[in-house]
N, C-alpha and C. Protein backbone atom coordinates (compact mmCIF):
# COMPACT_ATOMS: atom_id res chain seq x y z
N MET A 1 66.11 74.08 77.05
CA MET A 1 65.11 74.57 77.97
C MET A 1 63.70 74.17 77.55
N PRO A 2 63.31 74.28 76.29
CA PRO A 2 61.96 73.87 75.95
C PRO A 2 61.71 72.38 76.18
N LEU A 3 62.71 71.55 75.92
CA LEU A 3 62.53 70.11 76.15
C LEU A 3 62.37 69.81 77.64
N THR A 4 63.07 70.52 78.47
CA THR A 4 62.92 70.34 79.92
C THR A 4 61.55 70.82 80.37
N SER A 5 61.10 71.92 79.82
CA SER A 5 59.79 72.45 80.18
C SER A 5 58.67 71.50 79.79
N VAL A 6 58.81 70.85 78.64
CA VAL A 6 57.79 69.90 78.20
C VAL A 6 57.74 68.70 79.14
N SER A 7 58.90 68.26 79.60
CA SER A 7 58.93 67.06 80.43
C SER A 7 58.33 67.29 81.82
N ILE A 8 58.41 68.51 82.35
CA ILE A 8 57.86 68.75 83.69
C ILE A 8 56.47 69.37 83.64
N GLY A 9 56.01 69.79 82.48
CA GLY A 9 54.67 70.35 82.35
C GLY A 9 54.68 71.85 82.36
N PHE A 10 53.61 72.42 81.80
CA PHE A 10 53.53 73.87 81.66
C PHE A 10 53.41 74.57 83.00
N SER A 11 52.55 74.07 83.87
CA SER A 11 52.33 74.77 85.15
C SER A 11 53.58 74.71 86.02
N ASN A 12 54.25 73.57 86.05
CA ASN A 12 55.48 73.48 86.86
C ASN A 12 56.59 74.37 86.31
N SER A 13 56.72 74.43 84.99
CA SER A 13 57.74 75.31 84.42
C SER A 13 57.38 76.78 84.64
N LEU A 14 56.08 77.10 84.65
CA LEU A 14 55.66 78.47 84.94
C LEU A 14 55.97 78.83 86.39
N TYR A 15 55.72 77.90 87.31
CA TYR A 15 56.07 78.14 88.72
C TYR A 15 57.57 78.31 88.90
N ALA A 16 58.35 77.50 88.21
CA ALA A 16 59.81 77.63 88.31
C ALA A 16 60.27 78.98 87.76
N LEU A 17 59.71 79.40 86.63
CA LEU A 17 60.06 80.68 86.04
C LEU A 17 59.70 81.84 86.97
N LEU A 18 58.52 81.79 87.54
CA LEU A 18 58.10 82.86 88.46
C LEU A 18 58.94 82.85 89.74
N GLY A 19 59.30 81.67 90.23
CA GLY A 19 60.15 81.59 91.42
C GLY A 19 61.53 82.15 91.17
N ILE A 20 62.12 81.82 90.04
CA ILE A 20 63.45 82.33 89.71
C ILE A 20 63.41 83.84 89.49
N ALA A 21 62.35 84.33 88.82
CA ALA A 21 62.22 85.78 88.61
C ALA A 21 62.06 86.51 89.94
N THR A 22 61.32 85.90 90.88
CA THR A 22 61.15 86.52 92.20
C THR A 22 62.47 86.56 92.96
N LEU A 23 63.24 85.48 92.90
CA LEU A 23 64.55 85.48 93.56
C LEU A 23 65.49 86.52 92.95
N MET A 24 65.47 86.66 91.64
CA MET A 24 66.31 87.68 91.00
C MET A 24 65.89 89.08 91.41
N LEU A 25 64.57 89.32 91.50
CA LEU A 25 64.08 90.62 91.91
C LEU A 25 64.48 90.93 93.35
N LEU A 26 64.33 89.96 94.23
CA LEU A 26 64.70 90.17 95.64
C LEU A 26 66.20 90.41 95.79
N SER A 27 67.01 89.66 95.06
CA SER A 27 68.46 89.86 95.17
C SER A 27 68.87 91.22 94.60
N SER A 28 68.18 91.68 93.57
CA SER A 28 68.51 93.02 93.05
C SER A 28 68.12 94.11 94.04
N PHE A 29 67.01 93.91 94.76
CA PHE A 29 66.62 94.88 95.79
C PHE A 29 67.64 94.91 96.93
N VAL A 30 68.12 93.75 97.33
CA VAL A 30 69.12 93.70 98.41
C VAL A 30 70.41 94.37 97.96
N GLN A 31 70.84 94.08 96.73
CA GLN A 31 72.07 94.69 96.23
C GLN A 31 71.91 96.21 96.09
N ALA A 32 70.76 96.67 95.61
CA ALA A 32 70.53 98.11 95.49
C ALA A 32 70.52 98.78 96.86
N ASP A 33 69.96 98.10 97.86
CA ASP A 33 69.94 98.66 99.21
C ASP A 33 71.35 98.74 99.78
N LEU A 34 72.17 97.73 99.52
CA LEU A 34 73.55 97.76 100.00
C LEU A 34 74.38 98.82 99.28
N LEU A 35 74.15 98.98 98.00
CA LEU A 35 74.91 99.97 97.23
C LEU A 35 74.50 101.41 97.57
N ARG A 36 73.33 101.58 98.15
CA ARG A 36 72.87 102.92 98.49
C ARG A 36 73.78 103.58 99.52
N PHE A 37 74.41 102.79 100.37
CA PHE A 37 75.24 103.34 101.44
C PHE A 37 76.74 103.31 101.13
N GLU A 38 77.11 102.87 99.95
CA GLU A 38 78.52 102.77 99.57
C GLU A 38 78.87 103.90 98.58
N LYS A 39 80.17 104.13 98.43
CA LYS A 39 80.61 105.13 97.45
C LYS A 39 80.43 104.57 96.04
N SER A 40 80.38 105.44 95.07
CA SER A 40 80.16 105.00 93.69
C SER A 40 81.42 104.33 93.14
N GLY A 41 81.24 103.43 92.22
CA GLY A 41 82.35 102.73 91.59
C GLY A 41 82.88 101.56 92.37
N ILE A 42 82.14 101.08 93.36
CA ILE A 42 82.60 99.96 94.18
C ILE A 42 82.32 98.65 93.44
N SER A 43 83.22 97.70 93.56
CA SER A 43 83.03 96.41 92.91
C SER A 43 82.15 95.51 93.78
N PHE A 44 81.65 94.45 93.16
CA PHE A 44 80.79 93.52 93.89
C PHE A 44 81.59 92.78 94.96
N ALA A 45 82.84 92.47 94.68
CA ALA A 45 83.69 91.78 95.66
C ALA A 45 83.93 92.66 96.88
N THR A 46 84.16 93.95 96.67
CA THR A 46 84.35 94.87 97.79
C THR A 46 83.06 95.06 98.57
N LEU A 47 81.94 95.08 97.87
CA LEU A 47 80.65 95.20 98.54
C LEU A 47 80.40 94.00 99.46
N VAL A 48 80.70 92.82 98.98
CA VAL A 48 80.55 91.61 99.80
C VAL A 48 81.51 91.64 100.98
N SER A 49 82.73 92.04 100.73
CA SER A 49 83.74 92.11 101.78
C SER A 49 83.35 93.11 102.87
N ASN A 50 82.81 94.25 102.47
CA ASN A 50 82.42 95.28 103.44
C ASN A 50 81.24 94.84 104.31
N ASN A 51 80.33 94.05 103.76
CA ASN A 51 79.12 93.70 104.48
C ASN A 51 79.17 92.33 105.14
N LEU A 52 79.92 91.39 104.59
CA LEU A 52 79.97 90.05 105.16
C LEU A 52 81.28 89.71 105.84
N GLY A 53 82.30 90.49 105.60
CA GLY A 53 83.60 90.23 106.20
C GLY A 53 84.62 89.82 105.15
N GLU A 54 85.86 89.87 105.54
CA GLU A 54 86.97 89.62 104.61
C GLU A 54 87.04 88.17 104.15
N LYS A 55 86.59 87.23 104.97
CA LYS A 55 86.71 85.82 104.58
C LYS A 55 85.74 85.45 103.46
N TYR A 56 84.72 86.26 103.19
CA TYR A 56 83.79 86.00 102.09
C TYR A 56 84.16 86.73 100.81
N ARG A 57 85.34 87.33 100.76
CA ARG A 57 85.76 88.10 99.59
C ARG A 57 85.95 87.21 98.36
N ILE A 58 86.28 85.95 98.55
CA ILE A 58 86.53 85.05 97.42
C ILE A 58 85.23 84.55 96.79
N LEU A 59 84.12 84.63 97.50
CA LEU A 59 82.84 84.13 97.02
C LEU A 59 82.41 84.77 95.70
N PRO A 60 82.44 86.09 95.53
CA PRO A 60 82.06 86.67 94.23
C PRO A 60 82.97 86.24 93.09
N SER A 61 84.25 86.02 93.38
CA SER A 61 85.18 85.57 92.35
C SER A 61 84.83 84.16 91.88
N ILE A 62 84.47 83.31 92.80
CA ILE A 62 84.08 81.94 92.44
C ILE A 62 82.79 81.97 91.62
N ILE A 63 81.84 82.79 92.02
CA ILE A 63 80.58 82.90 91.29
C ILE A 63 80.82 83.43 89.87
N LYS A 64 81.71 84.42 89.75
CA LYS A 64 82.02 84.96 88.43
C LYS A 64 82.69 83.92 87.55
N CYS A 65 83.61 83.14 88.11
CA CYS A 65 84.26 82.08 87.34
C CYS A 65 83.26 81.01 86.90
N LEU A 66 82.31 80.65 87.76
CA LEU A 66 81.29 79.69 87.37
C LEU A 66 80.39 80.24 86.27
N LEU A 67 80.08 81.53 86.33
CA LEU A 67 79.29 82.15 85.28
C LEU A 67 80.02 82.11 83.95
N PHE A 68 81.30 82.49 83.95
CA PHE A 68 82.07 82.47 82.71
C PHE A 68 82.22 81.05 82.18
N TYR A 69 82.39 80.06 83.07
CA TYR A 69 82.50 78.68 82.63
C TYR A 69 81.21 78.22 81.97
N SER A 70 80.07 78.55 82.56
CA SER A 70 78.80 78.11 81.98
C SER A 70 78.54 78.80 80.64
N LEU A 71 78.90 80.08 80.53
CA LEU A 71 78.75 80.77 79.25
C LEU A 71 79.65 80.17 78.18
N LEU A 72 80.89 79.87 78.55
CA LEU A 72 81.81 79.26 77.60
C LEU A 72 81.32 77.88 77.16
N ALA A 73 80.82 77.09 78.10
CA ALA A 73 80.32 75.75 77.76
C ALA A 73 79.12 75.85 76.82
N SER A 74 78.22 76.80 77.06
CA SER A 74 77.06 76.92 76.17
C SER A 74 77.47 77.43 74.79
N TYR A 75 78.44 78.34 74.72
CA TYR A 75 78.90 78.81 73.42
C TYR A 75 79.59 77.70 72.64
N ILE A 76 80.39 76.88 73.30
CA ILE A 76 81.06 75.78 72.64
C ILE A 76 80.05 74.77 72.14
N THR A 77 79.04 74.46 72.96
CA THR A 77 78.01 73.52 72.55
C THR A 77 77.23 74.05 71.35
N GLY A 78 76.86 75.33 71.39
CA GLY A 78 76.14 75.92 70.27
C GLY A 78 76.97 75.99 69.01
N ALA A 79 78.24 76.33 69.16
CA ALA A 79 79.11 76.42 67.98
C ALA A 79 79.35 75.04 67.38
N SER A 80 79.50 74.02 68.19
CA SER A 80 79.71 72.67 67.66
C SER A 80 78.47 72.18 66.92
N THR A 81 77.30 72.56 67.38
CA THR A 81 76.07 72.18 66.68
C THR A 81 76.00 72.88 65.33
N ILE A 82 76.38 74.14 65.30
CA ILE A 82 76.34 74.89 64.04
C ILE A 82 77.39 74.36 63.06
N LEU A 83 78.60 74.08 63.56
CA LEU A 83 79.67 73.60 62.69
C LEU A 83 79.43 72.19 62.17
N SER A 84 78.81 71.36 62.97
CA SER A 84 78.58 69.99 62.54
C SER A 84 77.41 69.89 61.54
N GLY A 85 76.55 70.88 61.54
CA GLY A 85 75.39 70.86 60.63
C GLY A 85 75.68 71.46 59.35
């Protein structure tokens, strides 16, 4: 991340950081608003299914798998750097 930030410049990386933080804040507000009308203990997949329809039920599962894949890839990369050094 720091090498990428250096290549695009400080102001551009600051704009990207603020844009991503704004998107995360807006998505958390939308999710909190949707959860306000649901019963407690509901999963994210059920929340999506209730509000977008049954055909979008697989979308949260795909997103979760991509998250786990990216975490696993970063852990493997970090561990290989530590082990090789």
